[in-house]
Protein backbone atom coordinates (compact mmCIF):
# COMPACT_ATOMS: atom_id res chain seq x y z
CA MET A 1 19.60 -9.54 -0.24
CA LYS A 2 22.30 -10.92 -2.53
CA LEU A 3 24.34 -9.06 -5.17
CA SER A 4 25.73 -11.17 -8.03
CA ILE A 5 28.83 -9.54 -9.50
CA VAL A 6 29.42 -10.90 -12.99
CA MET A 7 33.04 -10.55 -14.05
CA PRO A 8 34.02 -11.62 -17.60
CA THR A 9 37.75 -12.25 -17.98
CA TYR A 10 40.10 -12.71 -20.90
CA ASN A 11 43.86 -12.61 -20.33
CA GLU A 12 43.63 -10.44 -17.20
CA GLU A 13 46.46 -11.96 -15.14
CA LYS A 14 47.97 -8.50 -14.49
CA THR A 15 44.90 -7.10 -12.75
CA ILE A 16 42.58 -9.93 -11.72
CA LEU A 17 43.85 -10.26 -8.15
CA GLN A 18 43.77 -6.51 -7.59
CA ILE A 19 40.18 -6.17 -8.76
CA LEU A 20 39.11 -9.14 -6.64
CA ASP A 21 40.70 -7.53 -3.58
CA LYS A 22 38.84 -4.31 -4.36
CA VAL A 23 35.50 -6.12 -4.73
CA LEU A 24 36.03 -7.96 -1.44
CA ALA A 25 36.95 -4.74 0.34
CA VAL A 26 33.68 -2.98 -0.44
CA ASN A 27 31.44 -2.85 2.61
CA LEU A 28 27.79 -3.43 1.71
CA PRO A 29 25.73 -3.72 4.92
CA ASN A 30 23.00 -6.38 4.79
CA ILE A 31 23.98 -7.40 1.25
CA GLU A 32 25.58 -10.75 0.50
CA LYS A 33 28.06 -10.85 -2.38
CA GLU A 34 28.37 -13.52 -5.04
CA ILE A 35 31.28 -13.16 -7.47
CA ILE A 36 30.79 -14.98 -10.76
CA ILE A 37 33.92 -15.14 -12.88
CA VAL A 38 33.47 -16.30 -16.45
CA ASP A 39 36.78 -16.81 -18.18
CA ASP A 40 36.45 -16.50 -21.94
CA GLY A 41 39.29 -18.76 -23.07
CA SER A 42 42.26 -16.95 -21.52
CA LYS A 43 45.71 -18.00 -22.73
CA ASP A 44 47.50 -16.68 -19.64
CA SER A 45 47.31 -17.59 -15.95
CA THR A 46 44.04 -15.78 -15.17
CA VAL A 47 42.13 -18.94 -14.25
CA SER A 48 44.85 -20.48 -12.12
CA LEU A 49 45.33 -17.22 -10.24
CA VAL A 50 41.62 -16.96 -9.46
CA LYS A 51 41.41 -20.59 -8.35
CA LYS A 52 44.37 -20.15 -6.00
CA PHE A 53 42.92 -16.88 -4.68
CA LYS A 54 39.62 -18.61 -3.92
CA GLU A 55 41.34 -21.59 -2.28
CA ASP A 56 43.78 -19.53 -0.21
CA LYS A 57 41.01 -17.31 1.17
CA ASN A 58 38.45 -20.15 1.39
CA LEU A 59 35.79 -18.09 -0.39
CA SER A 60 32.89 -20.29 -1.47
CA TYR A 61 30.98 -17.33 -2.90
CA ILE A 62 33.50 -16.93 -5.72
CA ARG A 63 32.23 -19.13 -8.54
CA ILE A 64 34.42 -19.81 -11.57
CA PHE A 65 33.22 -20.85 -15.01
CA VAL A 66 35.70 -21.54 -17.81
CA GLN A 67 34.77 -21.35 -21.48
CA GLU A 68 37.41 -23.23 -23.43
CA LYS A 69 36.88 -21.20 -26.61
CA ASN A 70 36.92 -17.40 -26.72
CA GLY A 71 33.42 -16.27 -27.64
CA GLY A 72 33.59 -12.56 -26.82
CA LYS A 73 32.57 -10.40 -23.88
CA GLY A 74 28.87 -10.70 -24.60
CA THR A 75 29.05 -14.49 -24.49
CA ALA A 76 30.85 -14.41 -21.15
CA VAL A 77 28.46 -11.84 -19.67
CA ARG A 78 25.42 -13.83 -20.74
CA ARG A 79 26.89 -16.97 -19.15
CA GLY A 80 27.41 -15.01 -15.95
CA PHE A 81 23.82 -13.77 -16.03
CA LYS A 82 22.61 -17.33 -16.46
CA GLU A 83 24.59 -18.52 -13.43
CA ALA A 84 23.68 -15.58 -11.18
CA THR A 85 21.56 -16.42 -8.12
CA GLY A 86 21.38 -12.93 -6.57
CA ASP A 87 18.45 -10.57 -6.23
CA LEU A 88 20.59 -7.94 -7.97
CA VAL A 89 23.11 -8.40 -10.79
CA LEU A 90 26.03 -6.10 -11.67
CA ILE A 91 28.66 -6.28 -14.42
CA GLN A 92 32.27 -5.70 -13.31
CA ASP A 93 35.18 -5.64 -15.76
CA ALA A 94 38.26 -7.54 -14.65
CA ASP A 95 40.68 -4.68 -15.30
CA LEU A 96 41.02 -1.64 -13.05
CA GLU A 97 39.08 0.89 -15.14
CA TYR A 98 35.98 0.77 -12.92
CA ASP A 99 36.18 1.16 -9.14
CA PRO A 100 34.11 -1.17 -6.90
CA GLU A 101 34.04 1.58 -4.27
CA ASP A 102 31.21 3.00 -6.38
CA TYR A 103 28.95 0.01 -5.57
CA PRO A 104 27.07 1.86 -2.79
CA LEU A 105 26.27 4.70 -5.21
CA LEU A 106 24.99 2.24 -7.80
CA LEU A 107 22.89 0.33 -5.30
CA LYS A 108 21.27 3.33 -3.64
CA PRO A 109 18.51 4.08 -6.22
CA ILE A 110 17.43 0.43 -6.25
CA LEU A 111 17.53 0.04 -2.47
CA GLU A 112 15.40 3.19 -2.23
CA LYS A 113 12.98 1.55 -4.70
CA ARG A 114 13.28 4.43 -7.18
CA THR A 115 14.18 2.15 -10.10
CA LYS A 116 15.12 -1.39 -11.06
CA VAL A 117 18.00 -0.42 -13.39
CA VAL A 118 21.04 1.74 -12.66
CA PHE A 119 23.87 2.73 -15.01
CA GLY A 120 27.15 4.18 -13.78
CA SER A 121 28.02 7.21 -15.92
CA ARG A 122 31.64 8.19 -16.41
CA PHE A 123 30.58 11.52 -17.89
CA LEU A 124 28.48 12.76 -14.99
CA ARG A 125 31.61 13.25 -12.89
CA LYS A 126 32.95 16.78 -13.20
CA ASP A 127 36.53 15.56 -12.85
CA HIS A 128 36.28 13.08 -15.73
CA SER A 129 39.15 13.40 -18.21
CA ALA A 130 39.49 11.51 -21.48
CA ARG A 131 42.69 9.59 -22.16
CA TYR A 132 41.81 9.06 -25.82
CA ASN A 133 39.76 11.80 -27.49
CA PHE A 134 38.73 9.38 -30.25
CA TYR A 135 37.05 7.02 -27.77
CA TYR A 136 35.59 9.87 -25.76
CA MET A 137 33.93 11.32 -28.86
CA GLY A 138 32.80 7.85 -29.90
CA ASN A 139 31.14 7.23 -26.55
CA GLN A 140 29.50 10.65 -26.65
CA PHE A 141 28.13 9.95 -30.13
CA LEU A 142 26.74 6.54 -29.12
CA SER A 143 25.01 8.09 -26.11
CA LEU A 144 23.60 10.87 -28.30
CA LEU A 145 22.32 8.28 -30.77
CA THR A 146 20.70 6.41 -27.88
CA ARG A 147 18.92 9.59 -26.76
CA ILE A 148 17.69 10.27 -30.30
CA LEU A 149 16.49 6.73 -31.01
CA TYR A 150 15.05 5.84 -27.61
CA LEU A 151 14.07 9.26 -26.24
CA ARG A 152 15.86 8.66 -22.94
CA ASN A 153 18.44 10.95 -21.37
CA ILE A 154 21.33 8.45 -21.31
CA THR A 155 24.78 10.02 -20.92
CA ASP A 156 26.90 6.83 -20.97
CA MET A 157 25.38 3.95 -22.92
CA GLU A 158 28.68 2.07 -23.21
CA THR A 159 29.40 1.97 -19.47
CA CYS A 160 30.40 -1.35 -17.96
CA TYR A 161 28.55 -0.63 -14.71
CA LYS A 162 25.01 -1.78 -15.40
CA LEU A 163 23.01 -2.95 -12.38
CA PHE A 164 19.61 -4.66 -12.50
CA THR A 165 17.18 -6.52 -10.35
CA LYS A 166 17.17 -10.18 -11.39
CA ASP A 167 13.56 -10.06 -12.59
CA VAL A 168 14.49 -7.35 -15.12
CA LEU A 169 17.43 -9.35 -16.39
CA ASP A 170 15.33 -12.48 -16.83
CA ARG A 171 13.05 -10.60 -19.26
CA LEU A 172 15.73 -9.32 -21.65
CA SER A 173 16.48 -12.36 -23.89
CA LEU A 174 20.03 -11.26 -24.72
CA ARG A 175 21.96 -12.62 -27.72
CA ALA A 176 25.10 -10.46 -28.01
CA THR A 177 28.51 -12.10 -28.26
CA ARG A 178 30.97 -9.21 -28.14
CA PHE A 179 30.87 -5.57 -27.00
CA ASP A 180 27.43 -5.31 -28.61
CA ILE A 181 26.18 -6.49 -25.22
CA GLU A 182 26.11 -2.84 -24.09
CA PRO A 183 23.73 -1.45 -26.76
CA GLU A 184 21.60 -4.61 -26.63
CA ILE A 185 21.08 -4.35 -22.87
CA THR A 186 20.33 -0.63 -23.09
CA ALA A 187 17.88 -1.01 -25.96
CA LYS A 188 15.98 -3.92 -24.46
CA VAL A 189 15.78 -2.40 -20.98
CA ILE A 190 14.23 0.75 -22.46
CA LYS A 191 11.88 -1.15 -24.78
CA LYS A 192 10.61 -3.18 -21.82
CA GLY A 193 9.57 0.11 -20.24
CA TYR A 194 12.05 0.27 -17.37
CA SER A 195 13.46 3.58 -16.21
CA ILE A 196 17.25 3.93 -16.01
CA ILE A 197 18.83 6.07 -13.32
CA GLU A 198 22.44 7.10 -13.92
CA VAL A 199 24.89 7.86 -11.14
CA PRO A 200 28.39 9.38 -11.49
CA ILE A 201 31.26 6.90 -11.24
CA ARG A 202 35.04 6.99 -11.31
CA TYR A 203 36.87 5.76 -14.39
CA TYR A 204 40.55 5.04 -15.01
CA SER A 205 41.08 4.33 -18.71
CA ARG A 206 43.80 1.86 -19.62
CA SER A 207 45.86 1.79 -22.81
CA PHE A 208 46.03 -0.95 -25.43
CA GLU A 209 49.47 -1.83 -24.04
CA GLU A 210 47.77 -2.40 -20.69
CA GLY A 211 45.15 -4.66 -22.25
CA LYS A 212 42.34 -2.47 -23.61
CA LYS A 213 40.39 -4.58 -26.10
CA ILE A 214 37.54 -2.53 -27.58
CA THR A 215 38.25 -1.07 -31.04
CA TRP A 216 36.65 1.36 -33.50
CA ARG A 217 35.04 -1.64 -35.22
CA ASP A 218 33.10 -2.34 -32.05
CA GLY A 219 31.91 1.27 -32.14
CA LEU A 220 30.54 0.81 -35.65
CA LYS A 221 28.78 -2.38 -34.56
CA ALA A 222 27.29 -0.54 -31.58
CA ILE A 223 25.75 2.00 -33.97
CA TRP A 224 24.23 -0.80 -36.02
CA PHE A 225 22.82 -2.62 -32.99
CA LEU A 226 21.32 0.54 -31.50
CA ILE A 227 19.46 1.11 -34.77
CA LYS A 228 18.55 -2.56 -35.20
CA TYR A 229 17.13 -3.05 -31.70
CA ARG A 230 15.11 0.13 -31.97
CA PHE A 231 12.94 -1.61 -34.55
CA VAL A 232 13.35 -5.37 -33.93
CA ASN A 233 13.94 -7.59 -30.92
């Protein structure tokens, strides 16, 4: 079995090598890894660092795709999905907010054939603490709206860690370009009739000074897309 790890990047030179080391360090017995890096028009040394990392370690399963023009996270994620060749596909941010050591937890429900879709929930961990109350409340509201609109007990709609079997992904027909990729995936997975199992994950929020990119405007767009995709495809 192969796991395709889709990693969108945009100006992540400060963390890209650390997250790659973390992904490589995760032990997944009987599962082959494929790391798909889609750079979304970085202006820093992200791409050159990744290329040197791949060359120095002679890792053929790291695949790099460079989009010359910045199109947004959704555009990069969709490109990664298109290039994925694994039986399973997981989204991994290129910063250090999400910990690859949680991969075994994410994979377990699928390997046990209990579901085809797993979300990692930051809010199911009892030790979760919010760095920014504004974003915490925003995420809670978006998850509440998801529960109301789609009648599913989702605690963390906006999570980066979304894991699918490839056949599920191939049925979603995604169009998002920015952070609206999260509500679009969630809405279309539910509307296709798939169950979503959530597992608790670790989360280390970074500041805007450290490179955090999502803003309150993206939150407003998420509200709109949750409502939109409830009624249209």
